[in-house]
N, C-alpha and C. Protein backbone atom coordinates (compact mmCIF):
# COMPACT_ATOMS: atom_id res chain seq x y z
N UNK A 1 -32.42 50.39 -13.94
CA UNK A 1 -31.07 50.54 -14.52
C UNK A 1 -30.84 49.41 -15.48
N UNK A 2 -30.36 49.73 -16.68
CA UNK A 2 -30.16 48.73 -17.71
C UNK A 2 -28.70 48.33 -17.75
N UNK A 3 -28.48 47.06 -18.09
CA UNK A 3 -27.12 46.55 -18.23
C UNK A 3 -26.82 46.30 -19.69
N UNK A 4 -25.61 46.41 -20.07
CA UNK A 4 -25.16 46.09 -21.41
C UNK A 4 -25.12 44.58 -21.55
N UNK A 5 -26.04 44.03 -22.39
CA UNK A 5 -26.12 42.57 -22.50
C UNK A 5 -24.85 41.97 -23.07
N UNK A 6 -24.19 42.72 -23.95
CA UNK A 6 -22.96 42.19 -24.53
C UNK A 6 -21.91 41.94 -23.46
N UNK A 7 -21.88 42.83 -22.45
CA UNK A 7 -20.87 42.68 -21.41
C UNK A 7 -21.19 41.53 -20.47
N UNK A 8 -22.48 41.08 -20.50
CA UNK A 8 -22.89 40.01 -19.61
C UNK A 8 -22.88 38.65 -20.31
N UNK A 9 -22.47 38.59 -21.55
CA UNK A 9 -22.48 37.33 -22.29
C UNK A 9 -21.58 36.32 -21.60
N UNK A 10 -22.07 35.09 -21.54
CA UNK A 10 -21.32 34.02 -20.88
C UNK A 10 -20.45 33.32 -21.91
N UNK A 11 -19.22 33.25 -21.66
CA UNK A 11 -18.29 32.58 -22.56
C UNK A 11 -17.81 31.30 -21.92
N UNK A 12 -17.64 30.27 -22.73
CA UNK A 12 -17.15 28.99 -22.22
C UNK A 12 -15.67 29.10 -21.91
N UNK A 13 -15.23 28.49 -20.82
CA UNK A 13 -13.81 28.57 -20.49
C UNK A 13 -12.96 27.84 -21.51
N UNK A 14 -11.80 28.37 -21.72
CA UNK A 14 -10.88 27.74 -22.66
C UNK A 14 -10.39 26.43 -22.09
N UNK A 15 -10.17 25.44 -22.95
CA UNK A 15 -9.64 24.16 -22.45
C UNK A 15 -8.26 24.36 -21.86
N UNK A 16 -7.93 23.60 -20.84
CA UNK A 16 -6.61 23.76 -20.23
C UNK A 16 -5.50 23.49 -21.23
N UNK A 17 -4.46 24.26 -21.09
CA UNK A 17 -3.33 24.10 -22.00
C UNK A 17 -2.68 22.74 -21.79
N UNK A 18 -2.29 22.11 -22.87
CA UNK A 18 -1.63 20.82 -22.80
C UNK A 18 -0.20 21.01 -22.30
N UNK A 19 0.20 20.26 -21.33
CA UNK A 19 1.56 20.43 -20.82
C UNK A 19 2.59 20.11 -21.89
N UNK A 20 3.73 20.79 -21.83
CA UNK A 20 4.75 20.54 -22.85
C UNK A 20 5.31 19.14 -22.73
N UNK A 21 5.84 18.66 -23.85
CA UNK A 21 6.48 17.34 -23.84
C UNK A 21 5.47 16.24 -24.14
N UNK A 22 5.98 15.02 -24.29
CA UNK A 22 5.13 13.89 -24.60
C UNK A 22 4.37 13.44 -23.36
N UNK A 23 3.08 13.03 -23.54
CA UNK A 23 2.31 12.57 -22.37
C UNK A 23 2.88 11.27 -21.82
N UNK A 24 2.70 11.06 -20.52
CA UNK A 24 3.18 9.85 -19.88
C UNK A 24 2.38 8.65 -20.35
N UNK A 25 3.04 7.53 -20.51
CA UNK A 25 2.40 6.28 -20.91
C UNK A 25 2.04 5.52 -19.64
N UNK A 26 0.72 5.44 -19.36
CA UNK A 26 0.28 4.80 -18.12
C UNK A 26 0.65 3.33 -18.09
N UNK A 27 0.61 2.67 -19.26
CA UNK A 27 0.97 1.25 -19.32
C UNK A 27 2.44 1.05 -18.94
N UNK A 28 3.29 1.95 -19.42
CA UNK A 28 4.72 1.86 -19.07
C UNK A 28 4.92 2.11 -17.58
N UNK A 29 4.16 3.03 -17.02
CA UNK A 29 4.25 3.28 -15.57
C UNK A 29 3.97 2.00 -14.79
N UNK A 30 2.90 1.32 -15.17
CA UNK A 30 2.52 0.08 -14.46
C UNK A 30 3.56 -1.01 -14.64
N UNK A 31 4.08 -1.14 -15.84
CA UNK A 31 5.08 -2.17 -16.10
C UNK A 31 6.36 -1.93 -15.31
N UNK A 32 6.76 -0.67 -15.21
CA UNK A 32 7.98 -0.34 -14.46
C UNK A 32 7.81 -0.66 -12.99
N UNK A 33 6.67 -0.29 -12.43
CA UNK A 33 6.41 -0.57 -11.01
C UNK A 33 6.37 -2.08 -10.78
N UNK A 34 5.65 -2.81 -11.64
CA UNK A 34 5.55 -4.26 -11.48
C UNK A 34 6.91 -4.93 -11.61
N UNK A 35 7.72 -4.47 -12.57
CA UNK A 35 9.04 -5.05 -12.77
C UNK A 35 9.94 -4.77 -11.56
N UNK A 36 9.84 -3.58 -11.01
CA UNK A 36 10.64 -3.24 -9.83
C UNK A 36 10.28 -4.14 -8.66
N UNK A 37 9.00 -4.37 -8.44
CA UNK A 37 8.56 -5.24 -7.35
C UNK A 37 9.03 -6.67 -7.57
N UNK A 38 8.96 -7.15 -8.81
CA UNK A 38 9.42 -8.52 -9.08
C UNK A 38 10.92 -8.66 -8.82
N UNK A 39 11.69 -7.68 -9.26
CA UNK A 39 13.14 -7.75 -9.06
C UNK A 39 13.51 -7.61 -7.59
N UNK A 40 12.84 -6.74 -6.88
CA UNK A 40 13.11 -6.62 -5.44
C UNK A 40 12.83 -7.94 -4.73
N UNK A 41 11.78 -8.61 -5.16
CA UNK A 41 11.42 -9.89 -4.54
C UNK A 41 12.45 -10.96 -4.88
N UNK A 42 12.91 -11.00 -6.13
CA UNK A 42 13.84 -12.04 -6.59
C UNK A 42 15.28 -11.75 -6.23
N UNK A 43 15.71 -10.51 -6.47
CA UNK A 43 17.13 -10.17 -6.40
C UNK A 43 17.51 -9.31 -5.20
N UNK A 44 16.52 -8.75 -4.49
CA UNK A 44 16.84 -7.83 -3.41
C UNK A 44 17.20 -6.46 -3.96
N UNK A 45 17.53 -5.56 -3.05
CA UNK A 45 17.82 -4.18 -3.46
C UNK A 45 19.07 -4.10 -4.34
N UNK A 46 20.13 -4.81 -3.96
CA UNK A 46 21.38 -4.71 -4.70
C UNK A 46 21.23 -5.19 -6.14
N UNK A 47 20.38 -6.19 -6.35
CA UNK A 47 20.20 -6.73 -7.69
C UNK A 47 19.16 -6.00 -8.51
N UNK A 48 18.60 -4.94 -7.97
CA UNK A 48 17.58 -4.16 -8.67
C UNK A 48 18.20 -2.86 -9.15
N UNK A 49 18.36 -2.73 -10.45
CA UNK A 49 18.93 -1.52 -11.03
C UNK A 49 17.96 -0.96 -12.06
N UNK A 50 18.18 0.27 -12.44
CA UNK A 50 17.33 0.87 -13.47
C UNK A 50 17.45 0.09 -14.77
N UNK A 51 18.67 -0.35 -15.10
CA UNK A 51 18.87 -1.12 -16.32
C UNK A 51 18.12 -2.45 -16.26
N UNK A 52 18.19 -3.12 -15.09
CA UNK A 52 17.51 -4.40 -14.94
C UNK A 52 16.00 -4.23 -15.00
N UNK A 53 15.50 -3.17 -14.39
CA UNK A 53 14.06 -2.92 -14.42
C UNK A 53 13.60 -2.63 -15.85
N UNK A 54 14.38 -1.84 -16.59
CA UNK A 54 14.02 -1.55 -17.98
C UNK A 54 13.92 -2.83 -18.79
N UNK A 55 14.89 -3.72 -18.61
CA UNK A 55 14.86 -4.99 -19.35
C UNK A 55 13.67 -5.85 -18.92
N UNK A 56 13.42 -5.90 -17.62
CA UNK A 56 12.31 -6.70 -17.09
C UNK A 56 10.96 -6.17 -17.57
N UNK A 57 10.84 -4.84 -17.66
CA UNK A 57 9.58 -4.22 -18.06
C UNK A 57 9.42 -4.13 -19.57
N UNK A 58 10.50 -4.38 -20.31
CA UNK A 58 10.43 -4.28 -21.76
C UNK A 58 10.37 -2.85 -22.27
N UNK A 59 11.04 -1.94 -21.54
CA UNK A 59 11.09 -0.55 -21.96
C UNK A 59 12.55 -0.12 -22.02
N UNK A 60 12.80 1.07 -22.54
CA UNK A 60 14.16 1.56 -22.62
C UNK A 60 14.59 2.16 -21.28
N UNK A 61 15.89 2.25 -21.09
CA UNK A 61 16.39 2.89 -19.88
C UNK A 61 15.93 4.33 -19.79
N UNK A 62 15.87 5.01 -20.95
CA UNK A 62 15.44 6.41 -20.96
C UNK A 62 14.01 6.54 -20.45
N UNK A 63 13.16 5.55 -20.74
CA UNK A 63 11.78 5.58 -20.27
C UNK A 63 11.74 5.55 -18.75
N UNK A 64 12.60 4.73 -18.16
CA UNK A 64 12.65 4.66 -16.69
C UNK A 64 13.24 5.94 -16.12
N UNK A 65 14.33 6.41 -16.72
CA UNK A 65 14.99 7.61 -16.19
C UNK A 65 14.10 8.85 -16.27
N UNK A 66 13.21 8.91 -17.26
CA UNK A 66 12.31 10.06 -17.35
C UNK A 66 11.38 10.12 -16.15
N UNK A 67 11.10 8.95 -15.56
CA UNK A 67 10.19 8.90 -14.42
C UNK A 67 10.93 8.95 -13.09
N UNK A 68 12.07 8.28 -13.06
CA UNK A 68 12.81 8.15 -11.80
C UNK A 68 14.30 8.43 -12.04
N UNK A 69 14.76 9.59 -11.62
CA UNK A 69 16.16 9.94 -11.86
C UNK A 69 17.15 9.01 -11.17
N UNK A 70 16.74 8.41 -10.05
CA UNK A 70 17.65 7.56 -9.30
C UNK A 70 16.98 6.23 -8.97
N UNK A 71 17.80 5.25 -8.66
CA UNK A 71 17.28 3.95 -8.24
C UNK A 71 16.44 4.08 -6.98
N UNK A 72 16.88 4.90 -6.04
CA UNK A 72 16.13 5.07 -4.80
C UNK A 72 14.73 5.64 -5.08
N UNK A 73 14.62 6.59 -6.01
CA UNK A 73 13.31 7.14 -6.38
C UNK A 73 12.42 6.04 -6.95
N UNK A 74 12.99 5.21 -7.79
CA UNK A 74 12.23 4.14 -8.44
C UNK A 74 11.72 3.12 -7.43
N UNK A 75 12.60 2.71 -6.53
CA UNK A 75 12.21 1.71 -5.53
C UNK A 75 11.17 2.28 -4.58
N UNK A 76 11.36 3.53 -4.17
CA UNK A 76 10.39 4.16 -3.27
C UNK A 76 9.01 4.19 -3.90
N UNK A 77 8.94 4.60 -5.17
CA UNK A 77 7.64 4.67 -5.85
C UNK A 77 7.00 3.30 -5.97
N UNK A 78 7.82 2.28 -6.25
CA UNK A 78 7.28 0.93 -6.44
C UNK A 78 6.71 0.36 -5.15
N UNK A 79 7.48 0.45 -4.07
CA UNK A 79 7.00 -0.15 -2.83
C UNK A 79 5.79 0.60 -2.28
N UNK A 80 5.70 1.90 -2.59
CA UNK A 80 4.55 2.65 -2.12
C UNK A 80 3.28 2.25 -2.85
N UNK A 81 3.42 1.63 -4.03
CA UNK A 81 2.24 1.13 -4.73
C UNK A 81 1.57 0.01 -3.95
N UNK A 82 2.30 -0.64 -3.05
CA UNK A 82 1.73 -1.73 -2.28
C UNK A 82 0.73 -1.24 -1.25
N UNK A 83 0.59 0.06 -1.10
CA UNK A 83 -0.42 0.58 -0.18
C UNK A 83 -1.80 0.54 -0.79
N UNK A 84 -1.91 0.11 -2.05
CA UNK A 84 -3.20 0.10 -2.73
C UNK A 84 -3.99 -1.15 -2.42
N UNK A 85 -3.88 -1.69 -1.23
CA UNK A 85 -4.65 -2.88 -0.86
C UNK A 85 -6.14 -2.57 -0.87
N UNK A 86 -6.92 -3.57 -1.19
CA UNK A 86 -8.37 -3.39 -1.21
C UNK A 86 -8.87 -3.13 0.21
N UNK A 87 -9.68 -2.12 0.36
CA UNK A 87 -10.24 -1.80 1.67
C UNK A 87 -11.62 -2.42 1.80
N UNK A 88 -11.99 -2.84 2.99
CA UNK A 88 -13.31 -3.45 3.17
C UNK A 88 -14.43 -2.45 2.93
N UNK A 89 -15.56 -2.94 2.52
CA UNK A 89 -16.70 -2.08 2.29
C UNK A 89 -17.23 -1.51 3.60
N UNK A 90 -17.96 -0.44 3.49
CA UNK A 90 -18.51 0.20 4.69
C UNK A 90 -19.73 -0.57 5.17
N UNK A 91 -19.49 -1.65 5.92
CA UNK A 91 -20.60 -2.50 6.36
C UNK A 91 -21.10 -2.10 7.73
N UNK A 92 -20.36 -1.27 8.45
CA UNK A 92 -20.80 -0.82 9.75
C UNK A 92 -20.48 -1.75 10.89
N UNK A 93 -19.94 -2.93 10.59
CA UNK A 93 -19.60 -3.91 11.62
C UNK A 93 -18.08 -3.95 11.77
N UNK A 94 -17.52 -3.46 12.88
CA UNK A 94 -16.06 -3.38 13.02
C UNK A 94 -15.37 -4.72 12.84
N UNK A 95 -15.96 -5.80 13.36
CA UNK A 95 -15.30 -7.10 13.25
C UNK A 95 -15.22 -7.55 11.79
N UNK A 96 -16.31 -7.41 11.04
CA UNK A 96 -16.31 -7.78 9.63
C UNK A 96 -15.34 -6.91 8.84
N UNK A 97 -15.32 -5.63 9.18
CA UNK A 97 -14.42 -4.72 8.49
C UNK A 97 -12.96 -5.04 8.79
N UNK A 98 -12.69 -5.45 10.03
CA UNK A 98 -11.32 -5.83 10.39
C UNK A 98 -10.88 -7.06 9.61
N UNK A 99 -11.77 -8.02 9.45
CA UNK A 99 -11.46 -9.20 8.66
C UNK A 99 -11.18 -8.80 7.21
N UNK A 100 -12.00 -7.89 6.68
CA UNK A 100 -11.78 -7.43 5.31
C UNK A 100 -10.47 -6.69 5.16
N UNK A 101 -10.10 -5.94 6.17
CA UNK A 101 -8.83 -5.20 6.12
C UNK A 101 -7.65 -6.16 6.14
N UNK A 102 -7.73 -7.21 6.96
CA UNK A 102 -6.66 -8.21 6.97
C UNK A 102 -6.57 -8.93 5.62
N UNK A 103 -7.71 -9.22 5.04
CA UNK A 103 -7.69 -9.89 3.74
C UNK A 103 -7.05 -8.98 2.69
N UNK A 104 -7.40 -7.70 2.73
CA UNK A 104 -6.78 -6.76 1.81
C UNK A 104 -5.28 -6.66 2.01
N UNK A 105 -4.84 -6.70 3.27
CA UNK A 105 -3.41 -6.67 3.58
C UNK A 105 -2.71 -7.87 2.93
N UNK A 106 -3.30 -9.05 3.08
CA UNK A 106 -2.71 -10.25 2.51
C UNK A 106 -2.68 -10.18 0.98
N UNK A 107 -3.76 -9.70 0.37
CA UNK A 107 -3.81 -9.58 -1.08
C UNK A 107 -2.80 -8.57 -1.61
N UNK A 108 -2.48 -7.59 -0.79
CA UNK A 108 -1.49 -6.58 -1.18
C UNK A 108 -0.07 -7.08 -1.00
N UNK A 109 0.20 -7.65 0.17
CA UNK A 109 1.58 -8.01 0.53
C UNK A 109 1.99 -9.35 -0.06
N UNK A 110 1.09 -10.32 -0.06
CA UNK A 110 1.43 -11.66 -0.46
C UNK A 110 1.96 -11.80 -1.88
N UNK A 111 1.19 -11.41 -2.90
CA UNK A 111 1.66 -11.59 -4.28
C UNK A 111 2.94 -10.85 -4.61
N UNK A 112 3.21 -9.75 -3.91
CA UNK A 112 4.40 -8.95 -4.18
C UNK A 112 5.58 -9.31 -3.29
N UNK A 113 5.44 -10.38 -2.48
CA UNK A 113 6.48 -10.73 -1.51
C UNK A 113 6.85 -9.50 -0.69
N UNK A 114 5.82 -8.88 -0.13
CA UNK A 114 6.03 -7.63 0.59
C UNK A 114 6.99 -7.74 1.75
N UNK A 115 7.00 -8.90 2.44
CA UNK A 115 7.91 -9.05 3.57
C UNK A 115 9.36 -9.11 3.09
N UNK A 116 9.59 -9.77 1.96
CA UNK A 116 10.94 -9.82 1.40
C UNK A 116 11.41 -8.44 0.98
N UNK A 117 10.51 -7.67 0.39
CA UNK A 117 10.85 -6.31 -0.01
C UNK A 117 11.12 -5.45 1.21
N UNK A 118 10.28 -5.59 2.23
CA UNK A 118 10.49 -4.81 3.46
C UNK A 118 11.84 -5.14 4.08
N UNK A 119 12.21 -6.44 4.06
CA UNK A 119 13.51 -6.83 4.61
C UNK A 119 14.64 -6.21 3.81
N UNK A 120 14.48 -6.17 2.48
CA UNK A 120 15.51 -5.55 1.64
C UNK A 120 15.65 -4.07 1.94
N UNK A 121 14.52 -3.39 2.12
CA UNK A 121 14.58 -1.96 2.45
C UNK A 121 15.19 -1.75 3.83
N UNK A 122 14.92 -2.66 4.74
CA UNK A 122 15.48 -2.54 6.09
C UNK A 122 17.01 -2.66 6.04
N UNK A 123 17.51 -3.53 5.19
CA UNK A 123 18.96 -3.68 5.07
C UNK A 123 19.61 -2.42 4.51
N UNK A 124 18.83 -1.64 3.75
CA UNK A 124 19.34 -0.40 3.16
C UNK A 124 18.99 0.84 3.99
N UNK A 125 18.57 0.63 5.24
CA UNK A 125 18.03 1.74 6.03
C UNK A 125 19.07 2.82 6.33
N UNK A 126 20.34 2.46 6.38
CA UNK A 126 21.36 3.47 6.68
C UNK A 126 21.75 4.26 5.43
N UNK A 127 21.84 3.56 4.30
CA UNK A 127 22.25 4.22 3.06
C UNK A 127 21.09 5.00 2.44
N UNK A 128 19.89 4.41 2.50
CA UNK A 128 18.72 5.06 1.91
C UNK A 128 17.55 5.01 2.91
N UNK A 129 17.63 5.76 3.99
CA UNK A 129 16.55 5.72 4.99
C UNK A 129 15.21 6.20 4.46
N UNK A 130 15.24 7.01 3.40
CA UNK A 130 13.99 7.57 2.88
C UNK A 130 13.09 6.49 2.30
N UNK A 131 13.68 5.40 1.80
CA UNK A 131 12.87 4.34 1.21
C UNK A 131 12.09 3.60 2.27
N UNK A 132 12.76 3.23 3.36
CA UNK A 132 12.07 2.55 4.45
C UNK A 132 11.04 3.47 5.09
N UNK A 133 11.38 4.75 5.21
CA UNK A 133 10.43 5.72 5.77
C UNK A 133 9.17 5.80 4.91
N UNK A 134 9.35 5.83 3.58
CA UNK A 134 8.20 5.90 2.69
C UNK A 134 7.36 4.65 2.77
N UNK A 135 8.00 3.49 2.86
CA UNK A 135 7.27 2.23 2.98
C UNK A 135 6.44 2.22 4.26
N UNK A 136 7.05 2.68 5.33
CA UNK A 136 6.32 2.72 6.60
C UNK A 136 5.14 3.69 6.52
N UNK A 137 5.37 4.87 5.95
CA UNK A 137 4.33 5.90 5.92
C UNK A 137 3.20 5.55 4.97
N UNK A 138 3.51 4.86 3.86
CA UNK A 138 2.51 4.61 2.84
C UNK A 138 1.88 3.22 2.93
N UNK A 139 2.54 2.28 3.59
CA UNK A 139 2.04 0.90 3.63
C UNK A 139 1.74 0.46 5.05
N UNK A 140 2.74 0.54 5.94
CA UNK A 140 2.58 -0.01 7.29
C UNK A 140 1.65 0.86 8.14
N UNK A 141 1.97 2.13 8.26
CA UNK A 141 1.21 3.00 9.16
C UNK A 141 -0.26 3.15 8.77
N UNK A 142 -0.60 3.33 7.47
CA UNK A 142 -2.03 3.43 7.13
C UNK A 142 -2.83 2.20 7.54
N UNK A 143 -2.25 1.00 7.31
CA UNK A 143 -2.95 -0.23 7.70
C UNK A 143 -3.13 -0.28 9.21
N UNK A 144 -2.09 0.10 9.93
CA UNK A 144 -2.18 0.09 11.39
C UNK A 144 -3.22 1.08 11.88
N UNK A 145 -3.25 2.27 11.29
CA UNK A 145 -4.21 3.29 11.71
C UNK A 145 -5.64 2.85 11.45
N UNK A 146 -5.86 2.18 10.31
CA UNK A 146 -7.20 1.71 10.00
C UNK A 146 -7.64 0.62 10.99
N UNK A 147 -6.72 -0.30 11.30
CA UNK A 147 -7.04 -1.35 12.27
C UNK A 147 -7.33 -0.75 13.64
N UNK A 148 -6.51 0.22 14.03
CA UNK A 148 -6.70 0.86 15.33
C UNK A 148 -8.05 1.56 15.40
N UNK A 149 -8.43 2.23 14.30
CA UNK A 149 -9.72 2.92 14.27
C UNK A 149 -10.88 1.94 14.42
N UNK A 150 -10.77 0.80 13.74
CA UNK A 150 -11.84 -0.21 13.82
C UNK A 150 -11.95 -0.77 15.23
N UNK A 151 -10.82 -1.05 15.86
CA UNK A 151 -10.85 -1.63 17.21
C UNK A 151 -11.35 -0.62 18.24
N UNK A 152 -10.99 0.63 18.08
CA UNK A 152 -11.49 1.65 18.99
C UNK A 152 -12.99 1.86 18.80
N UNK A 153 -13.45 1.76 17.54
CA UNK A 153 -14.87 1.85 17.28
C UNK A 153 -15.61 0.71 17.96
N UNK A 154 -15.04 -0.50 17.83
CA UNK A 154 -15.65 -1.67 18.47
C UNK A 154 -15.71 -1.49 19.99
N UNK A 155 -14.65 -0.90 20.54
CA UNK A 155 -14.62 -0.66 21.98
C UNK A 155 -15.67 0.36 22.39
N UNK A 156 -15.81 1.42 21.61
CA UNK A 156 -16.81 2.45 21.92
C UNK A 156 -18.23 1.91 21.79
N UNK A 157 -18.41 0.97 20.86
CA UNK A 157 -19.74 0.39 20.65
C UNK A 157 -20.05 -0.71 21.66
N UNK A 158 -19.06 -1.09 22.47
CA UNK A 158 -19.28 -2.15 23.43
C UNK A 158 -19.13 -3.54 22.85
N UNK A 159 -18.62 -3.63 21.61
CA UNK A 159 -18.43 -4.94 20.99
C UNK A 159 -17.26 -5.69 21.61
N UNK A 160 -16.28 -4.96 22.15
CA UNK A 160 -15.18 -5.56 22.88
C UNK A 160 -15.06 -4.81 24.21
N UNK A 161 -14.47 -5.44 25.22
CA UNK A 161 -14.40 -4.81 26.55
C UNK A 161 -13.68 -3.47 26.52
N UNK A 162 -14.00 -2.58 27.44
CA UNK A 162 -13.38 -1.25 27.47
C UNK A 162 -11.90 -1.27 27.77
N UNK A 163 -11.39 -2.38 28.38
CA UNK A 163 -9.96 -2.45 28.67
C UNK A 163 -9.19 -3.18 27.57
N UNK A 164 -9.81 -3.42 26.42
CA UNK A 164 -9.11 -4.05 25.31
C UNK A 164 -7.98 -3.15 24.83
N UNK A 165 -6.88 -3.76 24.43
CA UNK A 165 -5.70 -3.02 24.00
C UNK A 165 -5.54 -3.14 22.49
N UNK A 166 -6.00 -2.15 21.70
CA UNK A 166 -5.91 -2.25 20.25
C UNK A 166 -4.49 -2.46 19.73
N UNK A 167 -3.51 -1.80 20.35
CA UNK A 167 -2.14 -1.92 19.87
C UNK A 167 -1.64 -3.36 19.96
N UNK A 168 -1.91 -4.01 21.08
CA UNK A 168 -1.48 -5.40 21.24
C UNK A 168 -2.22 -6.31 20.27
N UNK A 169 -3.50 -6.06 20.06
CA UNK A 169 -4.28 -6.88 19.14
C UNK A 169 -3.74 -6.75 17.72
N UNK A 170 -3.37 -5.54 17.33
CA UNK A 170 -2.81 -5.33 15.99
C UNK A 170 -1.49 -6.07 15.84
N UNK A 171 -0.63 -5.99 16.86
CA UNK A 171 0.66 -6.68 16.80
C UNK A 171 0.47 -8.19 16.67
N UNK A 172 -0.54 -8.72 17.33
CA UNK A 172 -0.82 -10.15 17.23
C UNK A 172 -1.30 -10.52 15.83
N UNK A 173 -2.16 -9.68 15.27
CA UNK A 173 -2.69 -9.95 13.93
C UNK A 173 -1.59 -9.95 12.88
N UNK A 174 -0.82 -8.89 12.84
CA UNK A 174 0.25 -8.79 11.84
C UNK A 174 1.39 -9.75 12.16
N UNK A 175 1.67 -9.92 13.45
CA UNK A 175 2.74 -10.83 13.85
C UNK A 175 2.49 -12.25 13.40
N UNK A 176 1.23 -12.67 13.36
CA UNK A 176 0.93 -14.03 12.92
C UNK A 176 1.29 -14.21 11.45
N UNK A 177 1.10 -13.16 10.66
CA UNK A 177 1.45 -13.22 9.24
C UNK A 177 2.96 -13.35 9.07
N UNK A 178 3.69 -12.57 9.86
CA UNK A 178 5.15 -12.63 9.81
C UNK A 178 5.65 -14.00 10.23
N UNK A 179 5.10 -14.54 11.29
CA UNK A 179 5.53 -15.85 11.78
C UNK A 179 5.28 -16.93 10.73
N UNK A 180 4.10 -16.96 10.15
CA UNK A 180 3.80 -17.99 9.16
C UNK A 180 4.73 -17.90 7.96
N UNK A 181 5.01 -16.70 7.54
CA UNK A 181 5.89 -16.51 6.38
C UNK A 181 7.30 -16.99 6.68
N UNK A 182 7.84 -16.60 7.84
CA UNK A 182 9.20 -17.00 8.20
C UNK A 182 9.30 -18.51 8.45
N UNK A 183 8.22 -19.09 8.96
CA UNK A 183 8.22 -20.53 9.24
C UNK A 183 7.94 -21.37 7.99
N UNK A 184 7.66 -20.72 6.88
CA UNK A 184 7.38 -21.45 5.65
C UNK A 184 6.01 -22.08 5.62
N UNK A 185 5.12 -21.58 6.44
CA UNK A 185 3.76 -22.12 6.49
C UNK A 185 2.85 -21.29 5.59
N UNK A 186 2.01 -21.94 4.81
CA UNK A 186 1.12 -21.19 3.91
C UNK A 186 0.10 -20.37 4.69
N UNK A 187 -0.36 -19.32 4.06
CA UNK A 187 -1.41 -18.49 4.64
C UNK A 187 -2.75 -19.04 4.15
N UNK A 188 -3.53 -19.66 5.03
CA UNK A 188 -4.80 -20.25 4.58
C UNK A 188 -5.81 -19.18 4.17
N UNK A 189 -6.78 -19.59 3.37
CA UNK A 189 -7.77 -18.63 2.89
C UNK A 189 -8.56 -18.01 4.03
N UNK A 190 -8.77 -18.79 5.08
CA UNK A 190 -9.55 -18.27 6.20
C UNK A 190 -8.67 -17.68 7.30
N UNK A 191 -7.43 -17.33 6.95
CA UNK A 191 -6.52 -16.73 7.93
C UNK A 191 -7.11 -15.48 8.58
N UNK A 192 -7.71 -14.55 7.83
CA UNK A 192 -8.25 -13.36 8.49
C UNK A 192 -9.32 -13.69 9.53
N UNK A 193 -10.24 -14.60 9.18
CA UNK A 193 -11.29 -14.96 10.13
C UNK A 193 -10.71 -15.64 11.36
N UNK A 194 -9.75 -16.55 11.15
CA UNK A 194 -9.15 -17.28 12.27
C UNK A 194 -8.41 -16.34 13.21
N UNK A 195 -7.68 -15.39 12.65
CA UNK A 195 -6.89 -14.50 13.50
C UNK A 195 -7.77 -13.54 14.28
N UNK A 196 -8.79 -12.99 13.63
CA UNK A 196 -9.68 -12.09 14.35
C UNK A 196 -10.41 -12.84 15.44
N UNK A 197 -10.81 -14.08 15.17
CA UNK A 197 -11.46 -14.89 16.21
C UNK A 197 -10.50 -15.15 17.38
N UNK A 198 -9.20 -15.28 17.10
CA UNK A 198 -8.23 -15.57 18.15
C UNK A 198 -7.98 -14.37 19.05
N UNK A 199 -7.99 -13.16 18.48
CA UNK A 199 -7.66 -11.98 19.29
C UNK A 199 -8.91 -11.27 19.81
N UNK A 200 -10.05 -11.52 19.17
CA UNK A 200 -11.29 -10.87 19.63
C UNK A 200 -11.65 -11.44 21.00
N UNK A 201 -11.85 -10.61 21.97
CA UNK A 201 -12.11 -11.10 23.33
C UNK A 201 -13.25 -12.12 23.37
N UNK A 202 -13.03 -13.20 24.11
CA UNK A 202 -14.03 -14.25 24.22
C UNK A 202 -15.35 -13.68 24.71
N UNK A 203 -16.43 -14.09 24.05
CA UNK A 203 -17.76 -13.65 24.46
C UNK A 203 -18.18 -12.33 23.85
N UNK A 204 -17.23 -11.66 23.15
CA UNK A 204 -17.61 -10.40 22.52
C UNK A 204 -18.50 -10.69 21.31
N UNK A 205 -19.39 -9.77 21.04
CA UNK A 205 -20.32 -9.98 19.92
C UNK A 205 -19.58 -9.88 18.61
């Protein structure tokens, strides 16, 4: 049985249609997010407005409004960017990976005054609960889940005792960061190693 070759000709797919309107400026996106984080750190939630962010970022108010119709939308998007902490490489060693995860947490939260921002969102929890919820879901919970997974892996591998409590260990790790910040004590470069050594059960590999 013969086929019509013309009907079997392969045609290249058409390029996707360009969406209507002007394309988004990625540089402006980054500047707006960075400016929002700086203002939240310096001025708190009340002192952070779309107008102030536009001035801080060097863009027009219309540029900000095109991306974020409300202040709450803008703040939510900015604080969720803090979830982009560097993750440790896949080295296969839970203890080393946990140290890397803590270091990534510090690199994410420290420069952006993440604790100050979290406190500001907490103060607004009744008026704008969605912002604190987003911060928890995009920043706090993912870090906690990753730490929990590493500690459970270590437990399954026998690197830590079977009765180790990952939840308590995580609270100690993050709690030490909170304590040092509130006490005005600097976070040393070897803080991740020191903290993991403190909570890792004595004698564990």
